[in-house]
């Protein structure tokens, strides 16, 4: 009996040691991945405190010799329209993201829970548009917006997004499948219409999915350079990325890397705040947890 007890204790000790080794290796790997991920952002941040000549040195040096916030003063002096560009981008964000997300959720609810004729064909038809490269439809869109007098304004960047996002709609459809149809049927029996069922039953269950998609869409609009550079060229409605590109071009002959990095750092603050705020919902949406029948 004692030998059996010793064997069990030895097995328990070996399993505990193995578990500790696995945890150490796992945390070491995660730490390395975290450092590799965060290092470019830290390098950008610390570069803003360097002098232009020091920032252009070939040696990779993270910390500056002398901390200086001169680049941020230059950013305020040389680019008085920087805050305006942030405001223009926020106009697009606050208009497109809430309305487009609501439209996408309503469309997803119709495809996921309502009985529609040719529902599968309509869904495949809508999703087939995702296979068309944006560059292929850029010229027709530009000619249409130019004929409407929208070029040089924010309308080409706002109006299409008000009709929803196909990728977001498909994501919501898959998420809504976790909501039992019996809840919808019970609501219908109680006299609730489709819209009320959406607001009271379905919408609360897809909050994590909405949070994740809002982060992705917000990030996509904030980092978009291609469309604003086409539709807003030479106007006073430049977005953040378009203005950063101009700032970089203006300093191409006499490089001022700290100034460019200061603009990039300031423009990244809303993204960091948004992700930290919705991090919990973002993780939940990746797990695709929900109510199961």
C-alpha atoms as a PDB file:
ATOM      1  CA  UNK A   1       0.000   0.000   0.000  1.00  0.00           C
ATOM      2  CA  UNK A   2       2.864   2.352   0.826  1.00  0.00           C
ATOM      3  CA  UNK A   3       4.560   1.628  -2.523  1.00  0.00           C
ATOM      4  CA  UNK A   4       1.324   2.452  -4.327  1.00  0.00           C
ATOM      5  CA  UNK A   5       1.032   5.691  -2.399  1.00  0.00           C
ATOM      6  CA  UNK A   6       4.624   6.614  -3.218  1.00  0.00           C
ATOM      7  CA  UNK A   7       3.991   5.858  -6.892  1.00  0.00           C
ATOM      8  CA  UNK A   8       0.904   8.062  -6.922  1.00  0.00           C
ATOM      9  CA  UNK A   9       2.760  10.872  -5.176  1.00  0.00           C
ATOM     10  CA  UNK A  10       5.667  10.571  -7.633  1.00  0.00           C
ATOM     11  CA  UNK A  11       3.248  10.644 -10.555  1.00  0.00           C
ATOM     12  CA  UNK A  12       1.558  13.719  -9.115  1.00  0.00           C
ATOM     13  CA  UNK A  13       4.916  15.467  -8.640  1.00  0.00           C
ATOM     14  CA  UNK A  14       5.975  14.634 -12.219  1.00  0.00           C
ATOM     15  CA  UNK A  15       2.681  15.917 -13.599  1.00  0.00           C
ATOM     16  CA  UNK A  16       3.038  19.119 -11.577  1.00  0.00           C
ATOM     17  CA  UNK A  17       6.590  19.646 -12.847  1.00  0.00           C
ATOM     18  CA  UNK A  18       5.480  19.014 -16.408  1.00  0.00           C
ATOM     19  CA  UNK A  19       2.662  21.512 -15.971  1.00  0.00           C
ATOM     20  CA  UNK A  20       5.115  24.129 -14.634  1.00  0.00           C
ATOM     21  CA  UNK A  21       7.471  23.569 -17.591  1.00  0.00           C
ATOM     22  CA  UNK A  22       4.602  23.921 -20.060  1.00  0.00           C
ATOM     23  CA  UNK A  23       3.448  27.155 -18.391  1.00  0.00           C
ATOM     24  CA  UNK A  24       6.966  28.591 -18.405  1.00  0.00           C
ATOM     25  CA  UNK A  25       7.399  27.811 -22.107  1.00  0.00           C
ATOM     26  CA  UNK A  26       3.951  29.179 -22.911  1.00  0.00           C
ATOM     27  CA  UNK A  27       4.467  32.433 -21.022  1.00  0.00           C
ATOM     28  CA  UNK A  28       7.922  32.821 -22.543  1.00  0.00           C
ATOM     29  CA  UNK A  29       6.483  32.432 -26.027  1.00  0.00           C
ATOM     30  CA  UNK A  30       3.647  34.859 -25.295  1.00  0.00           C
ATOM     31  CA  UNK A  31       6.119  37.387 -23.859  1.00  0.00           C
ATOM     32  CA  UNK A  32       8.255  37.175 -26.998  1.00  0.00           C
ATOM     33  CA  UNK A  33       5.220  37.628 -29.241  1.00  0.00           C
ATOM     34  CA  UNK A  34       4.049  40.568 -27.123  1.00  0.00           C
ATOM     35  CA  UNK A  35       7.444  42.269 -27.300  1.00  0.00           C
ATOM     36  CA  UNK A  36       7.645  41.775 -31.072  1.00  0.00           C
ATOM     37  CA  UNK A  37       4.127  43.172 -31.452  1.00  0.00           C
ATOM     38  CA  UNK A  38       4.588  46.204 -29.207  1.00  0.00           C
ATOM     39  CA  UNK A  39       8.144  47.108 -30.239  1.00  0.00           C
ATOM     40  CA  UNK A  40       7.220  48.982 -33.486  1.00  0.00           C
ATOM     41  CA  UNK A  41       4.735  51.135 -31.580  1.00  0.00           C
ATOM     42  CA  UNK A  42       7.287  51.860 -28.831  1.00  0.00           C
ATOM     43  CA  UNK A  43       9.907  52.721 -31.456  1.00  0.00           C
ATOM     44  CA  UNK A  44       7.448  55.129 -33.098  1.00  0.00           C
ATOM     45  CA  UNK A  45       6.616  56.692 -29.736  1.00  0.00           C
ATOM     46  CA  UNK A  46      10.214  57.191 -28.605  1.00  0.00           C
ATOM     47  CA  UNK A  47      11.227  58.479 -32.041  1.00  0.00           C
ATOM     48  CA  UNK A  48       8.926  61.451 -31.491  1.00  0.00           C
ATOM     49  CA  UNK A  49      11.224  62.543 -28.624  1.00  0.00           C
ATOM     50  CA  UNK A  50      14.412  62.405 -30.730  1.00  0.00           C
ATOM     51  CA  UNK A  51      16.135  65.028 -32.826  1.00  0.00           C
ATOM     52  CA  UNK A  52      15.812  64.637 -36.638  1.00  0.00           C
ATOM     53  CA  UNK A  53      19.490  63.699 -37.112  1.00  0.00           C
ATOM     54  CA  UNK A  54      19.388  61.185 -34.272  1.00  0.00           C
ATOM     55  CA  UNK A  55      16.227  59.572 -35.648  1.00  0.00           C
ATOM     56  CA  UNK A  56      17.855  59.052 -39.057  1.00  0.00           C
ATOM     57  CA  UNK A  57      20.912  57.243 -37.657  1.00  0.00           C
ATOM     58  CA  UNK A  58      21.338  53.718 -39.101  1.00  0.00           C
ATOM     59  CA  UNK A  59      21.817  52.157 -35.669  1.00  0.00           C
ATOM     60  CA  UNK A  60      18.627  50.903 -34.048  1.00  0.00           C
ATOM     61  CA  UNK A  61      18.390  52.878 -30.822  1.00  0.00           C
ATOM     62  CA  UNK A  62      15.124  52.864 -28.921  1.00  0.00           C
ATOM     63  CA  UNK A  63      15.606  55.583 -26.323  1.00  0.00           C
ATOM     64  CA  UNK A  64      16.667  59.104 -27.333  1.00  0.00           C
ATOM     65  CA  UNK A  65      19.818  60.669 -25.948  1.00  0.00           C
ATOM     66  CA  UNK A  66      17.846  63.751 -24.872  1.00  0.00           C
ATOM     67  CA  UNK A  67      14.065  63.709 -24.549  1.00  0.00           C
ATOM     68  CA  UNK A  68      12.453  66.549 -26.478  1.00  0.00           C
ATOM     69  CA  UNK A  69       8.829  67.348 -27.342  1.00  0.00           C
ATOM     70  CA  UNK A  70       9.833  69.699 -30.155  1.00  0.00           C
ATOM     71  CA  UNK A  71       8.228  67.441 -32.754  1.00  0.00           C
ATOM     72  CA  UNK A  72       4.788  67.902 -31.162  1.00  0.00           C
ATOM     73  CA  UNK A  73       5.190  71.682 -31.225  1.00  0.00           C
ATOM     74  CA  UNK A  74       6.199  71.422 -34.888  1.00  0.00           C
ATOM     75  CA  UNK A  75       3.127  69.321 -35.522  1.00  0.00           C
ATOM     76  CA  UNK A  76       0.932  72.027 -34.028  1.00  0.00           C
ATOM     77  CA  UNK A  77       2.722  74.825 -35.900  1.00  0.00           C
ATOM     78  CA  UNK A  78       3.368  73.320 -39.322  1.00  0.00           C
ATOM     79  CA  UNK A  79       0.077  71.450 -39.698  1.00  0.00           C
ATOM     80  CA  UNK A  80      -2.709  73.668 -38.349  1.00  0.00           C
ATOM     81  CA  UNK A  81      -5.197  71.484 -40.208  1.00  0.00           C
ATOM     82  CA  UNK A  82      -4.202  68.345 -38.275  1.00  0.00           C
ATOM     83  CA  UNK A  83      -7.030  68.704 -35.766  1.00  0.00           C
ATOM     84  CA  UNK A  84      -9.387  69.442 -38.627  1.00  0.00           C
ATOM     85  CA  UNK A  85      -8.343  66.206 -40.326  1.00  0.00           C
ATOM     86  CA  UNK A  86      -9.086  64.304 -37.107  1.00  0.00           C
ATOM     87  CA  UNK A  87     -12.472  66.027 -36.950  1.00  0.00           C
ATOM     88  CA  UNK A  88     -13.199  65.099 -40.580  1.00  0.00           C
ATOM     89  CA  UNK A  89     -12.323  61.477 -39.892  1.00  0.00           C
ATOM     90  CA  UNK A  90     -14.518  61.449 -36.780  1.00  0.00           C
ATOM     91  CA  UNK A  91     -17.418  62.840 -38.826  1.00  0.00           C
ATOM     92  CA  UNK A  92     -17.129  59.814 -41.105  1.00  0.00           C
ATOM     93  CA  UNK A  93     -16.747  57.431 -38.169  1.00  0.00           C
ATOM     94  CA  UNK A  94     -19.664  58.758 -36.123  1.00  0.00           C
ATOM     95  CA  UNK A  95     -21.942  58.817 -39.156  1.00  0.00           C
ATOM     96  CA  UNK A  96     -21.067  55.595 -40.949  1.00  0.00           C
ATOM     97  CA  UNK A  97     -20.305  53.184 -38.106  1.00  0.00           C
ATOM     98  CA  UNK A  98     -23.537  53.522 -36.031  1.00  0.00           C
ATOM     99  CA  UNK A  99     -25.944  53.694 -38.985  1.00  0.00           C
ATOM    100  CA  UNK A 100     -24.090  51.126 -41.091  1.00  0.00           C
ATOM    101  CA  UNK A 101     -23.861  48.707 -38.178  1.00  0.00           C
ATOM    102  CA  UNK A 102     -27.590  49.008 -37.482  1.00  0.00           C
ATOM    103  CA  UNK A 103     -28.449  48.431 -41.142  1.00  0.00           C
ATOM    104  CA  UNK A 104     -26.109  45.422 -41.286  1.00  0.00           C
ATOM    105  CA  UNK A 105     -27.664  43.944 -38.133  1.00  0.00           C
ATOM    106  CA  UNK A 106     -31.198  44.398 -39.476  1.00  0.00           C
ATOM    107  CA  UNK A 107     -30.260  42.789 -42.793  1.00  0.00           C
ATOM    108  CA  UNK A 108     -28.570  39.912 -40.968  1.00  0.00           C
ATOM    109  CA  UNK A 109     -31.686  39.403 -38.841  1.00  0.00           C
ATOM    110  CA  UNK A 110     -33.824  39.197 -41.983  1.00  0.00           C
ATOM    111  CA  UNK A 111     -31.543  36.578 -43.548  1.00  0.00           C
ATOM    112  CA  UNK A 112     -31.061  34.586 -40.341  1.00  0.00           C
ATOM    113  CA  UNK A 113     -34.553  34.513 -38.838  1.00  0.00           C
ATOM    114  CA  UNK A 114     -37.169  35.586 -41.378  1.00  0.00           C
ATOM    115  CA  UNK A 115     -38.684  33.514 -44.176  1.00  0.00           C
ATOM    116  CA  UNK A 116     -37.725  35.229 -47.423  1.00  0.00           C
ATOM    117  CA  UNK A 117     -38.112  33.997 -51.015  1.00  0.00           C
ATOM    118  CA  UNK A 118     -34.781  33.170 -52.680  1.00  0.00           C
ATOM    119  CA  UNK A 119     -33.007  34.043 -49.435  1.00  0.00           C
ATOM    120  CA  UNK A 120     -29.926  31.950 -50.174  1.00  0.00           C
ATOM    121  CA  UNK A 121     -29.596  33.343 -53.702  1.00  0.00           C
ATOM    122  CA  UNK A 122     -29.887  36.929 -52.457  1.00  0.00           C
ATOM    123  CA  UNK A 123     -27.245  36.328 -49.815  1.00  0.00           C
ATOM    124  CA  UNK A 124     -24.834  34.771 -52.317  1.00  0.00           C
ATOM    125  CA  UNK A 125     -25.537  37.614 -54.754  1.00  0.00           C
ATOM    126  CA  UNK A 126     -24.687  40.217 -52.133  1.00  0.00           C
ATOM    127  CA  UNK A 127     -21.579  38.391 -51.010  1.00  0.00           C
ATOM    128  CA  UNK A 128     -20.369  37.968 -54.588  1.00  0.00           C
ATOM    129  CA  UNK A 129     -19.733  41.707 -54.603  1.00  0.00           C
ATOM    130  CA  UNK A 130     -16.909  41.109 -52.121  1.00  0.00           C
ATOM    131  CA  UNK A 131     -14.964  39.311 -54.850  1.00  0.00           C
ATOM    132  CA  UNK A 132     -14.813  42.446 -57.016  1.00  0.00           C
ATOM    133  CA  UNK A 133     -11.661  44.484 -56.287  1.00  0.00           C
ATOM    134  CA  UNK A 134     -12.337  48.040 -55.158  1.00  0.00           C
ATOM    135  CA  UNK A 135      -9.940  49.362 -57.799  1.00  0.00           C
ATOM    136  CA  UNK A 136     -12.156  47.842 -60.507  1.00  0.00           C
ATOM    137  CA  UNK A 137     -15.155  49.996 -59.542  1.00  0.00           C
ATOM    138  CA  UNK A 138     -13.205  53.090 -58.542  1.00  0.00           C
ATOM    139  CA  UNK A 139     -13.410  54.870 -61.884  1.00  0.00           C
ATOM    140  CA  UNK A 140     -17.202  54.372 -62.376  1.00  0.00           C
ATOM    141  CA  UNK A 141     -17.801  55.473 -58.795  1.00  0.00           C
ATOM    142  CA  UNK A 142     -15.602  58.523 -59.197  1.00  0.00           C
ATOM    143  CA  UNK A 143     -17.430  59.559 -62.378  1.00  0.00           C
ATOM    144  CA  UNK A 144     -20.797  59.100 -60.654  1.00  0.00           C
ATOM    145  CA  UNK A 145     -19.748  61.091 -57.588  1.00  0.00           C
ATOM    146  CA  UNK A 146     -18.202  63.775 -59.796  1.00  0.00           C
ATOM    147  CA  UNK A 147     -21.446  64.115 -61.739  1.00  0.00           C
ATOM    148  CA  UNK A 148     -23.308  64.518 -58.444  1.00  0.00           C
ATOM    149  CA  UNK A 149     -20.831  67.149 -57.278  1.00  0.00           C
ATOM    150  CA  UNK A 150     -19.684  65.063 -54.331  1.00  0.00           C
ATOM    151  CA  UNK A 151     -15.940  64.986 -55.053  1.00  0.00           C
ATOM    152  CA  UNK A 152     -13.977  67.168 -52.700  1.00  0.00           C
ATOM    153  CA  UNK A 153     -16.479  66.458 -49.911  1.00  0.00           C
ATOM    154  CA  UNK A 154     -16.955  63.673 -47.371  1.00  0.00           C
ATOM    155  CA  UNK A 155     -20.104  62.352 -49.045  1.00  0.00           C
ATOM    156  CA  UNK A 156     -18.359  59.640 -51.153  1.00  0.00           C
ATOM    157  CA  UNK A 157     -16.887  58.274 -47.933  1.00  0.00           C
ATOM    158  CA  UNK A 158     -20.128  58.487 -45.931  1.00  0.00           C
ATOM    159  CA  UNK A 159     -23.098  57.625 -48.164  1.00  0.00           C
ATOM    160  CA  UNK A 160     -22.018  54.089 -49.284  1.00  0.00           C
ATOM    161  CA  UNK A 161     -21.334  53.063 -45.689  1.00  0.00           C
ATOM    162  CA  UNK A 162     -24.833  54.054 -44.576  1.00  0.00           C
ATOM    163  CA  UNK A 163     -26.209  51.015 -46.452  1.00  0.00           C
ATOM    164  CA  UNK A 164     -24.254  48.556 -44.323  1.00  0.00           C
ATOM    165  CA  UNK A 165     -21.288  46.257 -44.715  1.00  0.00           C
ATOM    166  CA  UNK A 166     -21.583  42.854 -46.393  1.00  0.00           C
ATOM    167  CA  UNK A 167     -18.802  41.267 -44.354  1.00  0.00           C
ATOM    168  CA  UNK A 168     -20.323  42.542 -41.128  1.00  0.00           C
ATOM    169  CA  UNK A 169     -23.763  41.295 -42.163  1.00  0.00           C
ATOM    170  CA  UNK A 170     -22.431  37.787 -42.853  1.00  0.00           C
ATOM    171  CA  UNK A 171     -20.661  37.746 -39.470  1.00  0.00           C
ATOM    172  CA  UNK A 172     -23.909  38.738 -37.738  1.00  0.00           C
ATOM    173  CA  UNK A 173     -25.825  36.027 -39.603  1.00  0.00           C
ATOM    174  CA  UNK A 174     -23.483  33.354 -38.259  1.00  0.00           C
ATOM    175  CA  UNK A 175     -23.713  34.817 -34.764  1.00  0.00           C
ATOM    176  CA  UNK A 176     -27.521  35.030 -34.817  1.00  0.00           C
ATOM    177  CA  UNK A 177     -27.747  31.306 -35.523  1.00  0.00           C
ATOM    178  CA  UNK A 178     -26.890  30.810 -31.846  1.00  0.00           C
ATOM    179  CA  UNK A 179     -30.175  32.495 -30.884  1.00  0.00           C
ATOM    180  CA  UNK A 180     -32.903  29.809 -30.671  1.00  0.00           C
ATOM    181  CA  UNK A 181     -35.782  30.223 -33.095  1.00  0.00           C
ATOM    182  CA  UNK A 182     -38.099  29.264 -30.245  1.00  0.00           C
ATOM    183  CA  UNK A 183     -37.464  32.648 -28.618  1.00  0.00           C
ATOM    184  CA  UNK A 184     -38.495  34.433 -31.800  1.00  0.00           C
ATOM    185  CA  UNK A 185     -41.581  32.236 -32.136  1.00  0.00           C
ATOM    186  CA  UNK A 186     -42.522  32.870 -28.500  1.00  0.00           C
ATOM    187  CA  UNK A 187     -42.268  36.589 -29.113  1.00  0.00           C
ATOM    188  CA  UNK A 188     -44.450  36.293 -32.199  1.00  0.00           C
ATOM    189  CA  UNK A 189     -47.059  34.370 -30.196  1.00  0.00           C
ATOM    190  CA  UNK A 190     -47.053  37.137 -27.574  1.00  0.00           C
ATOM    191  CA  UNK A 191     -47.851  39.656 -30.297  1.00  0.00           C
ATOM    192  CA  UNK A 192     -44.389  41.137 -30.853  1.00  0.00           C
ATOM    193  CA  UNK A 193     -43.505  42.183 -34.376  1.00  0.00           C
ATOM    194  CA  UNK A 194     -40.274  41.379 -36.149  1.00  0.00           C
ATOM    195  CA  UNK A 195     -38.724  44.714 -35.277  1.00  0.00           C
ATOM    196  CA  UNK A 196     -39.539  44.393 -31.571  1.00  0.00           C
ATOM    197  CA  UNK A 197     -38.147  40.855 -31.517  1.00  0.00           C
ATOM    198  CA  UNK A 198     -34.966  42.192 -33.033  1.00  0.00           C
ATOM    199  CA  UNK A 199     -34.588  44.941 -30.428  1.00  0.00           C
ATOM    200  CA  UNK A 200     -35.564  42.915 -27.358  1.00  0.00           C
ATOM    201  CA  UNK A 201     -34.346  39.376 -28.150  1.00  0.00           C
ATOM    202  CA  UNK A 202     -31.702  39.274 -30.866  1.00  0.00           C
ATOM    203  CA  UNK A 203     -29.845  42.561 -30.431  1.00  0.00           C
ATOM    204  CA  UNK A 204     -28.795  41.969 -26.782  1.00  0.00           C
ATOM    205  CA  UNK A 205     -27.318  38.581 -27.732  1.00  0.00           C
ATOM    206  CA  UNK A 206     -25.075  39.964 -30.497  1.00  0.00           C
ATOM    207  CA  UNK A 207     -23.511  42.823 -28.507  1.00  0.00           C
ATOM    208  CA  UNK A 208     -20.059  41.108 -28.458  1.00  0.00           C
ATOM    209  CA  UNK A 209     -20.213  40.612 -32.216  1.00  0.00           C
ATOM    210  CA  UNK A 210     -21.243  44.240 -32.733  1.00  0.00           C
ATOM    211  CA  UNK A 211     -18.358  45.443 -30.547  1.00  0.00           C
ATOM    212  CA  UNK A 212     -15.814  43.406 -32.509  1.00  0.00           C
ATOM    213  CA  UNK A 213     -17.119  44.529 -35.883  1.00  0.00           C
ATOM    214  CA  UNK A 214     -17.270  48.160 -34.752  1.00  0.00           C
ATOM    215  CA  UNK A 215     -13.581  47.954 -33.839  1.00  0.00           C
ATOM    216  CA  UNK A 216     -12.685  46.496 -37.225  1.00  0.00           C
ATOM    217  CA  UNK A 217     -14.793  49.002 -39.149  1.00  0.00           C
ATOM    218  CA  UNK A 218     -13.592  51.966 -37.103  1.00  0.00           C
ATOM    219  CA  UNK A 219      -9.995  50.863 -37.653  1.00  0.00           C
ATOM    220  CA  UNK A 220     -10.595  50.387 -41.388  1.00  0.00           C
ATOM    221  CA  UNK A 221     -12.048  53.871 -41.830  1.00  0.00           C
ATOM    222  CA  UNK A 222      -9.394  55.490 -39.636  1.00  0.00           C
ATOM    223  CA  UNK A 223      -6.536  53.872 -41.583  1.00  0.00           C
ATOM    224  CA  UNK A 224      -8.086  54.316 -45.020  1.00  0.00           C
ATOM    225  CA  UNK A 225      -5.798  56.283 -47.304  1.00  0.00           C
ATOM    226  CA  UNK A 226      -6.754  55.114 -50.800  1.00  0.00           C
ATOM    227  CA  UNK A 227     -10.329  56.440 -51.020  1.00  0.00           C
ATOM    228  CA  UNK A 228      -9.685  59.800 -49.294  1.00  0.00           C
ATOM    229  CA  UNK A 229      -6.635  60.414 -51.500  1.00  0.00           C
ATOM    230  CA  UNK A 230      -8.860  59.969 -54.574  1.00  0.00           C
ATOM    231  CA  UNK A 231     -12.054  61.770 -53.562  1.00  0.00           C
ATOM    232  CA  UNK A 232     -10.599  64.485 -51.302  1.00  0.00           C
ATOM    233  CA  UNK A 233      -7.527  65.493 -53.283  1.00  0.00           C
ATOM    234  CA  UNK A 234      -6.860  69.227 -52.964  1.00  0.00           C
ATOM    235  CA  UNK A 235      -9.806  69.866 -50.633  1.00  0.00           C
ATOM    236  CA  UNK A 236     -10.115  71.076 -47.044  1.00  0.00           C
ATOM    237  CA  UNK A 237     -11.810  67.837 -45.989  1.00  0.00           C
ATOM    238  CA  UNK A 238      -8.675  65.694 -45.735  1.00  0.00           C
ATOM    239  CA  UNK A 239      -8.745  62.755 -43.337  1.00  0.00           C
ATOM    240  CA  UNK A 240      -5.982  61.782 -40.936  1.00  0.00           C
ATOM    241  CA  UNK A 241      -4.158  59.348 -43.225  1.00  0.00           C
ATOM    242  CA  UNK A 242      -4.327  61.672 -46.228  1.00  0.00           C
ATOM    243  CA  UNK A 243      -2.867  64.513 -44.168  1.00  0.00           C
ATOM    244  CA  UNK A 244      -0.114  62.265 -42.769  1.00  0.00           C
ATOM    245  CA  UNK A 245       0.845  61.344 -46.336  1.00  0.00           C
ATOM    246  CA  UNK A 246       1.085  65.033 -47.250  1.00  0.00           C
ATOM    247  CA  UNK A 247       3.110  65.657 -44.098  1.00  0.00           C
ATOM    248  CA  UNK A 248       5.493  62.892 -45.102  1.00  0.00           C
ATOM    249  CA  UNK A 249       5.815  64.219 -48.670  1.00  0.00           C
ATOM    250  CA  UNK A 250       6.497  67.757 -47.455  1.00  0.00           C
ATOM    251  CA  UNK A 251       9.416  66.466 -45.401  1.00  0.00           C
ATOM    252  CA  UNK A 252      10.813  64.132 -48.054  1.00  0.00           C
ATOM    253  CA  UNK A 253      13.617  66.510 -49.126  1.00  0.00           C
ATOM    254  CA  UNK A 254      14.587  67.376 -45.574  1.00  0.00           C
ATOM    255  CA  UNK A 255      13.532  64.355 -43.539  1.00  0.00           C
ATOM    256  CA  UNK A 256      11.969  65.105 -40.180  1.00  0.00           C
ATOM    257  CA  UNK A 257      11.150  61.636 -38.940  1.00  0.00           C
ATOM    258  CA  UNK A 258      10.169  62.718 -35.392  1.00  0.00           C
ATOM    259  CA  UNK A 259       7.529  65.053 -36.854  1.00  0.00           C
ATOM    260  CA  UNK A 260       6.028  62.279 -38.992  1.00  0.00           C
ATOM    261  CA  UNK A 261       6.104  59.849 -36.056  1.00  0.00           C
ATOM    262  CA  UNK A 262       4.444  62.465 -33.825  1.00  0.00           C
ATOM    263  CA  UNK A 263       1.560  62.713 -36.278  1.00  0.00           C
ATOM    264  CA  UNK A 264       1.273  58.920 -36.434  1.00  0.00           C
ATOM    265  CA  UNK A 265       1.359  58.664 -32.630  1.00  0.00           C
ATOM    266  CA  UNK A 266      -1.374  61.242 -32.112  1.00  0.00           C
ATOM    267  CA  UNK A 267      -3.531  59.635 -34.803  1.00  0.00           C
ATOM    268  CA  UNK A 268      -3.214  56.221 -33.108  1.00  0.00           C
ATOM    269  CA  UNK A 269      -4.587  57.354 -29.742  1.00  0.00           C
ATOM    270  CA  UNK A 270      -8.310  56.933 -30.614  1.00  0.00           C
ATOM    271  CA  UNK A 271      -7.644  53.390 -31.894  1.00  0.00           C
ATOM    272  CA  UNK A 272      -5.853  52.385 -28.686  1.00  0.00           C
ATOM    273  CA  UNK A 273      -8.609  53.871 -26.511  1.00  0.00           C
ATOM    274  CA  UNK A 274     -11.309  52.145 -28.562  1.00  0.00           C
ATOM    275  CA  UNK A 275      -9.651  48.747 -28.343  1.00  0.00           C
ATOM    276  CA  UNK A 276      -9.046  49.017 -24.597  1.00  0.00           C
ATOM    277  CA  UNK A 277     -12.675  50.042 -24.065  1.00  0.00           C
ATOM    278  CA  UNK A 278     -14.187  47.171 -26.080  1.00  0.00           C
ATOM    279  CA  UNK A 279     -11.541  44.536 -25.374  1.00  0.00           C
ATOM    280  CA  UNK A 280     -13.868  42.374 -23.288  1.00  0.00           C
ATOM    281  CA  UNK A 281     -16.538  42.237 -25.998  1.00  0.00           C
ATOM    282  CA  UNK A 282     -13.884  41.661 -28.649  1.00  0.00           C
ATOM    283  CA  UNK A 283     -12.609  38.522 -26.904  1.00  0.00           C
ATOM    284  CA  UNK A 284     -16.165  37.269 -26.356  1.00  0.00           C
ATOM    285  CA  UNK A 285     -17.009  37.666 -30.028  1.00  0.00           C
ATOM    286  CA  UNK A 286     -13.977  35.614 -31.073  1.00  0.00           C
ATOM    287  CA  UNK A 287     -15.195  32.755 -28.909  1.00  0.00           C
ATOM    288  CA  UNK A 288     -18.591  32.960 -30.648  1.00  0.00           C
ATOM    289  CA  UNK A 289     -20.381  32.126 -27.439  1.00  0.00           C
ATOM    290  CA  UNK A 290     -24.157  32.353 -27.306  1.00  0.00           C
ATOM    291  CA  UNK A 291     -27.393  30.724 -26.306  1.00  0.00           C
ATOM    292  CA  UNK A 292     -27.684  27.140 -27.480  1.00  0.00           C
ATOM    293  CA  UNK A 293     -30.872  25.248 -27.996  1.00  0.00           C
END
